[in-house]
Amino acid sequence: MNERSTRDLQPQRHLRSLPAVSTLLQLPEIHPFAEALGERAVVQVAQEVLAAARHRILAGESPPDVVGWLRHELQRLIRPRLEPVINATGVIIHTNLGRAPVSEEAAFAMLEAARRYTALEIELESGRRGGRMAELSRLLSLLTGAEAGLVVNNNAAAVLLVLSTFCAGRSVLVSRSQAVEIGGGFRIPDVLRQSGARLVEVGTTNRTYVRDYAEAITDETVAILSVHWSNFRIIGFTAQPELRELAELAQTRGLLLIEDLGSGAMLDTAAFGLAHEPTVQEAIAAGADLVCFSGDKLLGGPQAGIIVGRKELIERVERHPLARAVRADKTALAGTAVTLRHYLRGEAVEKVPVWRMIAAPIEVLAQRCRAWAEQLADIIEGEIIRTEATVGGGSLPGETLPSVALAIPAATIARSVPGLSVDELARRLRIGQPPVVGRVDDDRLLLDVRTVLPEQDDALVQALRRVLRPM
């Protein structure tokens, strides 16, 4: 038999060597998954793996390790996708890690709302149906100075809902510098188009004045939309009107002033060494008719979009058909209510994790980092370094906070575990129990203390010990 004939027969031999599904299910490393996932699911995954293996073989590739592949796929199904993670990246509001962790009280309220019946739309005293927003509207009013408030599922939905309610078929004025993409493909021009409104850009990329808005107003104009630069900056030769100036113009000309504030700050960030982030209270005081912002950024609550403003306008937004499609569920409402009460009681800095991290003194962070290093000293020598943490989550672009990190250089890693690289150590920590997400910089693994919750310190140390010296 010639070489070509032998080559042609190889795929057939590899295909015949693939195990049957029934054989796979009986293997000691596969059989336990049937109890955890159900035999039907295991059979389906096995069939998919075998089909993919056949495709690879017919494409001329070497036969894969089917058992190992199947075990990996089944393990991924058992392990929860949204399992808790230790954030050691130094990014406080980390979008890829779920943005803001909520307070213990908010988490408990969300759990209770999820596992039990709640008085969501019933007035217990009268037994009659009631509005789900009554509590939150009152809390938002007390906190922001607005007449009323409404909570939907995220800020993109809040902006779309407001524009759809008031601006469909009409023109909306937006500064050219604010016709931006905020994140995740959320573009202001696209949102305006989806709402049925017509975008009218005014001013220039770097300089816009009140007169630019005034000159663009026609009989078709219904609103001015102001969009806060929440995730970028324009510096140098720039100009933007104050919100109160736009409010005066809008009121004089009979227009609505809608403010997309984004981050939802309720506290003065300048008090913590950061640039001043406009607060919701300031936007209402400046005369905005409606203000939209996120619940899971600087507010520090669960994912939500919040709209506050004049009562008559909020009521119209609530009645819009789209409001039901984007409304928040009971768990988000419960967590948001508790978060707002933290602010009303003046305890947000102590209770809301985002603000605990922002406010943490550098001396306390250094002390915690030294404790990590001391507990790991018998297996690895880490360096305690000064670094910079960021707020993240589309808030305070370019702003940093001084922080402290445990740095583990590549050379140190290699001495402790020969052959282990920085990237591989970072990967092993990410897939460990619990997962720890750090950052690799200058051939070092950095674990930033500011974004690690104090109650996670022991778990982080133990995760490192398991990776560096498996038990």
Protein backbone atom coordinates (compact mmCIF):
# COMPACT_ATOMS: atom_id res chain seq x y z
CA MET A 1 0.00 0.00 0.00
CA ASN A 2 1.47 3.37 -1.01
CA GLU A 3 1.88 6.40 1.25
CA ARG A 4 -1.15 8.21 -0.21
CA SER A 5 -3.45 5.26 0.45
CA THR A 6 -2.19 5.04 4.02
CA ARG A 7 -2.91 8.76 4.51
CA ASP A 8 -6.43 8.35 3.15
CA LEU A 9 -7.14 5.53 5.59
CA GLN A 10 -5.93 7.43 8.67
CA PRO A 11 -9.09 9.53 9.15
CA GLN A 12 -11.21 6.41 8.92
CA ARG A 13 -9.13 4.68 11.60
CA HIS A 14 -9.39 7.75 13.85
CA LEU A 15 -13.14 7.91 13.32
CA ARG A 16 -13.55 4.24 14.24
CA SER A 17 -11.50 4.81 17.40
CA LEU A 18 -13.96 7.37 18.76
CA PRO A 19 -15.90 5.95 21.73
CA ALA A 20 -19.66 5.48 21.69
CA VAL A 21 -21.85 7.78 23.80
CA SER A 22 -22.84 4.86 26.02
CA THR A 23 -19.17 4.09 26.65
CA LEU A 24 -18.45 7.67 27.62
CA LEU A 25 -21.33 7.75 30.09
CA GLN A 26 -19.93 4.78 31.99
CA LEU A 27 -16.45 6.23 32.48
CA PRO A 28 -15.64 7.04 36.15
CA GLU A 29 -14.71 10.64 35.25
CA ILE A 30 -17.95 11.21 33.29
CA HIS A 31 -20.59 9.15 35.11
CA PRO A 32 -20.94 11.54 38.13
CA PHE A 33 -22.05 14.35 35.82
CA ALA A 34 -25.25 12.47 35.02
CA GLU A 35 -26.38 12.97 38.61
CA ALA A 36 -25.41 16.63 38.65
CA LEU A 37 -26.87 17.58 35.26
CA GLY A 38 -29.20 14.75 34.33
CA GLU A 39 -28.38 11.92 31.93
CA ARG A 40 -30.21 13.53 29.02
CA ALA A 41 -28.03 16.65 29.17
CA VAL A 42 -24.84 14.58 29.41
CA VAL A 43 -25.87 12.51 26.38
CA GLN A 44 -26.54 15.66 24.35
CA VAL A 45 -23.20 17.23 25.25
CA ALA A 46 -21.40 13.95 24.47
CA GLN A 47 -23.05 13.83 21.06
CA GLU A 48 -21.98 17.40 20.36
CA VAL A 49 -18.38 16.71 21.39
CA LEU A 50 -18.22 13.58 19.23
CA ALA A 51 -19.67 15.45 16.25
CA ALA A 52 -17.04 18.19 16.68
CA ALA A 53 -14.30 15.57 17.02
CA ARG A 54 -15.41 13.90 13.76
CA HIS A 55 -15.35 17.29 12.01
CA ARG A 56 -11.78 17.92 13.17
CA ILE A 57 -10.61 14.48 12.05
CA LEU A 58 -12.18 14.84 8.60
CA ALA A 59 -10.51 18.27 8.33
CA GLY A 60 -7.17 16.51 8.70
CA GLU A 61 -6.49 17.39 12.35
CA SER A 62 -5.18 14.98 14.95
CA PRO A 63 -7.87 13.17 16.96
CA PRO A 64 -8.70 15.18 20.10
CA ASP A 65 -8.88 13.89 23.67
CA VAL A 66 -12.63 13.30 23.62
CA VAL A 67 -12.89 12.31 27.28
CA GLY A 68 -10.99 15.36 28.48
CA TRP A 69 -12.95 17.60 26.14
CA LEU A 70 -16.29 16.21 27.33
CA ARG A 71 -15.29 16.52 30.97
CA HIS A 72 -14.30 20.17 30.41
CA GLU A 73 -17.63 20.98 28.74
CA LEU A 74 -19.63 19.30 31.51
CA GLN A 75 -17.58 21.02 34.22
CA ARG A 76 -18.41 24.38 32.63
CA LEU A 77 -22.11 23.56 32.89
CA ILE A 78 -21.85 22.65 36.56
CA ARG A 79 -19.87 25.73 37.53
CA PRO A 80 -22.18 28.77 37.83
CA ARG A 81 -21.44 31.40 35.19
CA LEU A 82 -22.20 34.23 37.60
CA GLU A 83 -20.18 32.95 40.54
CA PRO A 84 -18.71 35.50 42.97
CA VAL A 85 -15.34 36.90 41.93
CA ILE A 86 -12.66 38.74 43.91
CA ASN A 87 -11.90 41.95 42.04
CA ALA A 88 -8.21 42.80 42.50
CA THR A 89 -7.93 44.84 39.29
CA GLY A 90 -8.04 48.28 40.87
CA VAL A 91 -11.14 49.21 38.85
CA ILE A 92 -13.92 49.95 41.33
CA ILE A 93 -16.97 49.89 39.04
CA HIS A 94 -15.82 47.08 36.75
CA THR A 95 -18.37 46.57 33.96
CA ASN A 96 -17.04 43.09 33.09
CA LEU A 97 -17.32 42.04 36.72
CA GLY A 98 -20.91 43.21 37.19
CA ARG A 99 -20.32 46.88 38.01
CA ALA A 100 -21.22 47.88 41.58
CA PRO A 101 -21.53 45.29 44.34
CA VAL A 102 -24.49 46.21 46.52
CA SER A 103 -24.52 46.61 50.29
CA GLU A 104 -25.21 43.65 52.56
CA GLU A 105 -28.62 45.12 53.43
CA ALA A 106 -29.50 45.64 49.77
CA ALA A 107 -28.42 42.09 48.91
CA PHE A 108 -30.58 40.69 51.71
CA ALA A 109 -33.57 42.74 50.57
CA MET A 110 -33.11 41.43 47.02
CA LEU A 111 -32.89 37.85 48.28
CA GLU A 112 -36.06 38.22 50.34
CA ALA A 113 -37.91 39.78 47.42
CA ALA A 114 -36.79 36.96 45.12
CA ARG A 115 -37.69 34.02 47.33
CA ARG A 116 -40.98 35.22 48.76
CA TYR A 117 -44.17 36.92 47.67
CA THR A 118 -43.97 40.70 48.00
CA ALA A 119 -46.49 43.53 48.15
CA LEU A 120 -45.31 44.65 44.72
CA GLU A 121 -48.54 46.13 43.39
CA ILE A 122 -50.96 45.95 46.29
CA GLU A 123 -51.77 48.36 49.12
CA LEU A 124 -51.86 46.07 52.14
CA GLU A 125 -54.03 48.40 54.22
CA SER A 126 -56.84 48.67 51.67
CA GLY A 127 -56.25 45.43 49.79
CA ARG A 128 -56.47 47.32 46.53
CA ARG A 129 -54.01 47.37 43.67
CA GLY A 130 -51.26 49.95 44.11
CA GLY A 131 -48.41 51.31 42.03
CA ARG A 132 -45.01 49.60 42.27
CA MET A 133 -43.25 52.96 42.18
CA ALA A 134 -44.89 54.65 45.17
CA GLU A 135 -42.08 53.90 47.64
CA LEU A 136 -39.21 54.57 45.26
CA SER A 137 -40.71 57.75 43.87
CA ARG A 138 -41.00 59.18 47.37
CA LEU A 139 -37.45 58.14 48.33
CA LEU A 140 -36.05 59.65 45.13
CA SER A 141 -37.97 62.85 45.74
CA LEU A 142 -36.60 63.21 49.26
CA LEU A 143 -33.05 62.49 48.14
CA THR A 144 -32.80 64.51 44.91
CA GLY A 145 -35.31 67.33 45.33
CA ALA A 146 -37.26 66.15 42.28
CA GLU A 147 -41.04 65.93 42.44
CA ALA A 148 -41.16 62.25 41.48
CA GLY A 149 -39.11 59.33 40.23
CA LEU A 150 -39.32 56.14 38.20
CA VAL A 151 -37.08 53.07 38.02
CA VAL A 152 -36.59 50.96 34.87
CA ASN A 153 -34.11 48.23 34.01
CA ASN A 154 -31.10 50.36 32.98
CA ASN A 155 -30.14 53.89 31.99
CA ALA A 156 -30.20 53.18 28.26
CA ALA A 157 -33.84 52.18 28.67
CA ALA A 158 -34.49 55.29 30.77
CA VAL A 159 -33.17 57.61 28.05
CA LEU A 160 -35.02 55.74 25.29
CA LEU A 161 -38.26 55.78 27.28
CA VAL A 162 -38.09 59.53 27.96
CA LEU A 163 -37.30 60.35 24.33
CA SER A 164 -40.04 58.04 23.07
CA THR A 165 -42.58 59.64 25.41
CA PHE A 166 -41.94 63.27 24.54
CA CYS A 167 -39.88 63.55 21.39
CA ALA A 168 -41.20 61.10 18.77
CA GLY A 169 -41.68 62.92 15.47
CA ARG A 170 -40.08 66.12 16.81
CA SER A 171 -36.61 67.64 16.87
CA VAL A 172 -34.18 67.39 19.78
CA LEU A 173 -31.15 69.66 20.12
CA VAL A 174 -27.86 68.01 21.11
CA SER A 175 -24.40 69.54 21.27
CA ARG A 176 -22.18 68.02 18.60
CA SER A 177 -19.69 67.08 21.34
CA GLN A 178 -22.43 65.11 23.11
CA ALA A 179 -23.65 63.00 20.17
CA VAL A 180 -21.46 60.25 21.56
CA GLU A 181 -21.18 56.51 22.06
CA ILE A 182 -21.41 55.98 25.80
CA GLY A 183 -20.57 52.27 25.95
CA GLY A 184 -21.57 48.88 24.63
CA GLY A 185 -22.64 50.42 21.33
CA PHE A 186 -25.07 52.80 23.06
CA ARG A 187 -24.96 55.78 20.70
CA ILE A 188 -27.01 58.90 21.34
CA PRO A 189 -27.88 59.41 17.62
CA ASP A 190 -29.08 55.80 17.38
CA VAL A 191 -31.21 56.12 20.51
CA LEU A 192 -32.80 59.30 19.21
CA ARG A 193 -33.53 57.59 15.90
CA GLN A 194 -35.04 54.56 17.66
CA SER A 195 -37.29 56.81 19.73
CA GLY A 196 -38.62 58.47 16.61
CA ALA A 197 -37.01 61.81 17.45
CA ARG A 198 -34.94 63.84 15.00
CA LEU A 199 -31.43 64.78 16.07
CA VAL A 200 -30.34 68.37 15.47
CA GLU A 201 -26.67 68.87 16.28
CA VAL A 202 -25.58 72.31 17.47
CA GLY A 203 -22.20 73.91 18.06
CA THR A 204 -18.91 72.23 17.24
CA THR A 205 -17.00 69.26 18.58
CA ASN A 206 -15.06 71.30 21.10
CA ARG A 207 -17.10 74.48 21.66
CA THR A 208 -20.84 74.94 22.03
CA TYR A 209 -22.64 78.00 23.36
CA VAL A 210 -26.18 78.75 24.50
CA ARG A 211 -26.66 80.87 21.37
CA ASP A 212 -26.04 77.76 19.25
CA TYR A 213 -29.07 76.11 20.87
CA ALA A 214 -31.17 79.27 20.61
CA GLU A 215 -30.45 79.72 16.90
CA ALA A 216 -31.38 76.09 16.15
CA ILE A 217 -34.86 76.21 17.76
CA THR A 218 -37.77 75.90 15.33
CA ASP A 219 -41.46 75.06 15.59
CA GLU A 220 -40.45 71.39 15.39
CA THR A 221 -38.13 71.56 18.41
CA VAL A 222 -39.46 69.86 21.54
CA ALA A 223 -36.44 69.38 23.78
CA ILE A 224 -32.81 69.99 24.57
CA LEU A 225 -30.89 66.84 25.47
CA SER A 226 -27.76 67.32 27.58
CA VAL A 227 -25.47 64.30 27.77
CA HIS A 228 -22.82 64.19 30.50
CA TRP A 229 -19.36 63.09 29.35
CA SER A 230 -19.26 60.13 31.67
CA ASN A 231 -16.51 58.07 30.01
CA PHE A 232 -14.28 60.54 28.17
CA ARG A 233 -12.97 64.10 28.26
CA ILE A 234 -12.40 66.86 25.75
CA ILE A 235 -9.64 69.17 26.93
CA GLY A 236 -7.97 72.30 25.63
CA PHE A 237 -9.90 74.93 23.66
CA THR A 238 -13.39 73.97 24.80
CA ALA A 239 -16.68 75.50 25.91
CA GLN A 240 -19.99 74.08 27.09
CA PRO A 241 -22.92 76.01 28.60
CA GLU A 242 -23.88 75.45 32.21
CA LEU A 243 -26.97 73.33 32.74
CA ARG A 244 -28.77 76.25 34.39
CA GLU A 245 -28.22 78.32 31.21
CA LEU A 246 -29.84 75.59 29.12
CA ALA A 247 -32.67 75.39 31.66
CA GLU A 248 -33.34 79.12 31.33
CA LEU A 249 -33.38 78.86 27.54
CA ALA A 250 -35.65 75.80 27.58
CA GLN A 251 -38.09 77.44 29.98
CA THR A 252 -38.17 80.67 27.99
CA ARG A 253 -38.83 78.86 24.70
CA GLY A 254 -41.25 76.25 26.07
CA LEU A 255 -38.93 73.26 25.63
CA LEU A 256 -38.05 70.31 27.83
CA LEU A 257 -34.54 70.02 29.23
CA ILE A 258 -33.54 66.36 29.53
CA GLU A 259 -30.27 65.50 31.26
CA ASP A 260 -28.58 62.12 30.73
CA LEU A 261 -26.32 62.17 33.76
CA GLY A 262 -25.06 58.60 33.43
CA SER A 263 -23.16 57.79 36.60
CA GLY A 264 -25.79 58.73 39.19
CA ALA A 265 -23.54 60.45 41.72
CA MET A 266 -25.32 61.50 44.92
CA LEU A 267 -22.19 62.50 46.84
CA ASP A 268 -19.54 65.08 46.00
CA THR A 269 -16.65 63.12 44.52
CA ALA A 270 -14.31 66.08 45.07
CA ALA A 271 -14.48 65.38 48.80
CA PHE A 272 -12.55 62.14 48.11
CA GLY A 273 -9.75 63.64 46.03
CA LEU A 274 -11.45 63.16 42.68
CA ALA A 275 -12.72 65.65 40.13
CA HIS A 276 -16.23 66.88 40.82
CA GLU A 277 -18.84 64.66 39.18
CA PRO A 278 -22.17 66.45 38.66
CA THR A 279 -24.75 65.09 41.08
CA VAL A 280 -28.40 64.33 40.48
CA GLN A 281 -29.34 66.91 43.11
CA GLU A 282 -27.37 69.59 41.23
CA ALA A 283 -29.07 68.74 37.94
CA ILE A 284 -32.52 69.07 39.48
CA ALA A 285 -31.57 72.33 41.25
CA ALA A 286 -30.22 73.71 37.95
CA GLY A 287 -33.65 73.31 36.39
CA ALA A 288 -33.55 70.07 34.39
CA ASP A 289 -37.08 68.81 33.75
CA LEU A 290 -36.03 65.15 33.65
CA VAL A 291 -32.76 63.54 34.73
CA CYS A 292 -31.77 59.97 33.78
CA PHE A 293 -28.99 58.03 35.48
CA SER A 294 -27.75 54.54 36.36
CA GLY A 295 -28.46 52.70 39.58
CA ASP A 296 -25.39 50.45 39.41
CA LYS A 297 -22.59 52.96 38.94
CA LEU A 298 -21.78 55.65 41.49
CA LEU A 299 -25.15 55.18 43.16
CA GLY A 300 -23.87 51.71 44.11
CA GLY A 301 -27.12 49.78 43.80
CA PRO A 302 -28.39 46.99 41.54
CA GLN A 303 -28.72 47.43 37.78
CA ALA A 304 -31.39 50.02 37.15
CA GLY A 305 -32.15 53.12 35.15
CA ILE A 306 -33.63 55.95 37.19
CA ILE A 307 -35.65 58.92 35.95
CA VAL A 308 -36.42 61.85 38.24
CA GLY A 309 -38.10 65.15 37.54
CA ARG A 310 -41.41 66.95 37.41
CA LYS A 311 -44.35 64.85 38.61
CA GLU A 312 -46.56 65.42 35.59
CA LEU A 313 -43.75 64.37 33.26
CA ILE A 314 -42.90 61.24 35.26
CA GLU A 315 -46.56 60.23 35.17
CA ARG A 316 -46.61 60.56 31.38
CA VAL A 317 -43.46 58.43 31.13
CA GLU A 318 -45.08 55.75 33.33
CA ARG A 319 -48.12 55.60 31.03
CA HIS A 320 -46.07 55.09 27.85
CA PRO A 321 -46.46 51.54 26.42
CA LEU A 322 -42.69 51.07 26.40
CA ALA A 323 -42.55 51.56 30.18
CA ARG A 324 -43.87 48.06 30.80
CA ALA A 325 -41.31 46.54 28.44
CA VAL A 326 -38.37 48.10 30.29
CA ARG A 327 -39.61 48.09 33.87
CA ALA A 328 -37.38 46.83 36.66
CA ASP A 329 -38.17 43.59 38.47
CA LYS A 330 -38.98 43.31 42.17
CA THR A 331 -35.44 42.40 43.22
CA ALA A 332 -33.96 45.50 41.58
CA LEU A 333 -36.65 47.65 43.16
CA ALA A 334 -35.98 46.19 46.60
CA GLY A 335 -32.21 46.68 46.32
CA THR A 336 -32.56 50.21 44.95
CA ALA A 337 -34.88 51.22 47.80
CA VAL A 338 -32.39 50.03 50.43
CA THR A 339 -29.53 51.79 48.63
CA LEU A 340 -31.44 55.08 48.56
CA ARG A 341 -32.11 54.79 52.29
CA HIS A 342 -28.36 54.51 52.90
CA TYR A 343 -28.00 57.97 51.39
CA LEU A 344 -30.96 59.41 53.26
CA ARG A 345 -29.50 58.15 56.55
CA GLY A 346 -26.07 59.59 55.69
CA GLU A 347 -24.40 56.16 55.80
CA ALA A 348 -23.54 55.58 52.13
CA VAL A 349 -19.79 55.90 52.69
CA GLU A 350 -19.91 53.21 55.38
CA LYS A 351 -22.49 50.91 53.77
CA VAL A 352 -22.28 51.14 49.97
CA PRO A 353 -19.24 49.13 48.74
CA VAL A 354 -18.39 51.55 45.92
CA TRP A 355 -18.09 54.43 48.36
CA ARG A 356 -16.29 52.30 50.95
CA MET A 357 -13.65 51.61 48.31
CA ILE A 358 -13.42 55.23 47.17
CA ALA A 359 -13.14 56.50 50.73
CA ALA A 360 -10.68 53.86 52.04
CA PRO A 361 -7.56 55.59 53.50
CA ILE A 362 -4.27 54.68 51.86
CA GLU A 363 -2.82 53.74 55.28
CA VAL A 364 -5.54 51.12 55.79
CA LEU A 365 -4.94 49.70 52.31
CA ALA A 366 -1.21 49.44 52.97
CA GLN A 367 -1.84 47.64 56.24
CA ARG A 368 -4.07 45.09 54.55
CA CYS A 369 -1.51 44.53 51.79
CA ARG A 370 1.24 43.93 54.35
CA ALA A 371 -0.98 41.33 56.00
CA TRP A 372 -1.40 39.55 52.64
CA ALA A 373 2.36 39.52 52.10
CA GLU A 374 3.07 38.21 55.60
CA GLN A 375 0.58 35.36 55.23
CA LEU A 376 2.18 34.36 51.92
CA ALA A 377 5.81 34.85 52.95
CA ASP A 378 6.47 31.12 53.38
CA ILE A 379 5.64 30.36 49.74
CA ILE A 380 6.35 33.53 47.78
CA GLU A 381 7.93 36.94 48.25
CA GLY A 382 5.55 39.63 47.08
CA GLU A 383 6.36 43.31 46.75
CA ILE A 384 4.13 46.01 48.24
CA ILE A 385 3.90 48.86 45.74
CA ARG A 386 1.98 52.09 45.30
CA THR A 387 -0.35 52.11 42.32
CA GLU A 388 -3.39 53.95 40.95
CA ALA A 389 -6.97 52.68 41.09
CA THR A 390 -9.75 53.98 38.88
CA VAL A 391 -13.47 54.45 39.46
CA GLY A 392 -14.40 52.86 36.11
CA GLY A 393 -17.87 52.01 34.84
CA GLY A 394 -18.01 55.09 32.63
CA SER A 395 -17.52 57.43 35.58
CA LEU A 396 -14.87 60.09 36.18
CA PRO A 397 -12.73 59.42 33.07
CA GLY A 398 -9.03 59.89 33.67
CA GLU A 399 -9.45 60.19 37.42
CA THR A 400 -7.44 57.91 39.70
CA LEU A 401 -7.12 57.20 43.40
CA PRO A 402 -3.82 56.34 45.11
CA SER A 403 -3.79 52.67 46.00
CA VAL A 404 -1.60 49.79 47.10
CA ALA A 405 -1.04 46.47 45.37
CA LEU A 406 0.74 43.22 46.07
CA ALA A 407 3.08 42.76 43.09
CA ILE A 408 4.38 39.30 42.22
CA PRO A 409 7.16 39.54 39.59
CA ALA A 410 7.77 36.85 36.99
CA ALA A 411 11.18 35.97 38.49
CA THR A 412 9.63 35.45 41.91
CA ILE A 413 6.90 33.25 40.46
CA ALA A 414 9.45 31.14 38.58
CA ARG A 415 11.45 30.55 41.78
CA SER A 416 8.36 29.42 43.68
CA VAL A 417 6.79 27.33 40.90
CA PRO A 418 9.30 26.53 38.14
CA GLY A 419 7.82 26.99 34.69
CA LEU A 420 4.88 29.09 35.89
CA SER A 421 4.55 32.38 33.99
CA VAL A 422 2.84 35.57 35.11
CA ASP A 423 0.03 35.07 32.60
CA GLU A 424 -0.49 31.47 33.67
CA LEU A 425 -0.61 32.45 37.34
CA ALA A 426 -3.22 35.08 36.49
CA ARG A 427 -5.22 32.48 34.55
CA ARG A 428 -5.07 29.91 37.35
CA LEU A 429 -6.31 32.51 39.82
CA ARG A 430 -9.20 33.41 37.49
CA ILE A 431 -10.35 29.79 37.24
CA GLY A 432 -9.71 28.97 40.89
CA GLN A 433 -12.12 28.82 43.82
CA PRO A 434 -12.94 31.58 44.40
CA PRO A 435 -11.87 33.25 41.14
CA VAL A 436 -9.44 36.14 41.67
CA VAL A 437 -9.06 38.69 38.87
CA GLY A 438 -5.90 40.80 39.00
CA ARG A 439 -3.99 42.62 36.30
CA VAL A 440 -0.66 41.93 34.61
CA ASP A 441 1.62 44.93 34.24
CA ASP A 442 5.34 45.14 33.45
CA ASP A 443 5.78 41.36 33.78
CA ARG A 444 4.21 41.36 37.26
CA LEU A 445 0.88 40.22 38.61
CA LEU A 446 -0.71 43.08 40.54
CA LEU A 447 -3.43 42.50 43.13
CA ASP A 448 -4.87 45.89 44.04
CA VAL A 449 -6.19 46.15 47.59
CA ARG A 450 -8.64 49.01 47.03
CA THR A 451 -11.10 46.89 45.06
CA VAL A 452 -10.93 43.81 47.28
CA LEU A 453 -13.64 43.83 49.93
CA PRO A 454 -12.04 43.53 53.40
CA GLU A 455 -14.11 40.44 54.13
CA GLN A 456 -12.47 38.77 51.09
CA ASP A 457 -8.88 39.13 52.33
CA ASP A 458 -8.58 35.60 53.73
CA ALA A 459 -10.17 34.06 50.63
CA LEU A 460 -7.71 35.89 48.37
CA VAL A 461 -4.71 34.68 50.38
CA GLN A 462 -5.97 31.10 50.37
CA ALA A 463 -6.62 31.26 46.62
CA LEU A 464 -3.00 32.29 46.07
CA ARG A 465 -1.72 29.56 48.35
CA ARG A 466 -3.70 26.90 46.44
CA VAL A 467 -2.31 28.06 43.10
CA LEU A 468 1.27 28.46 44.24
CA ARG A 469 1.40 25.38 46.44
CA PRO A 470 -1.43 22.98 45.51
CA MET A 471 -2.76 21.04 48.48
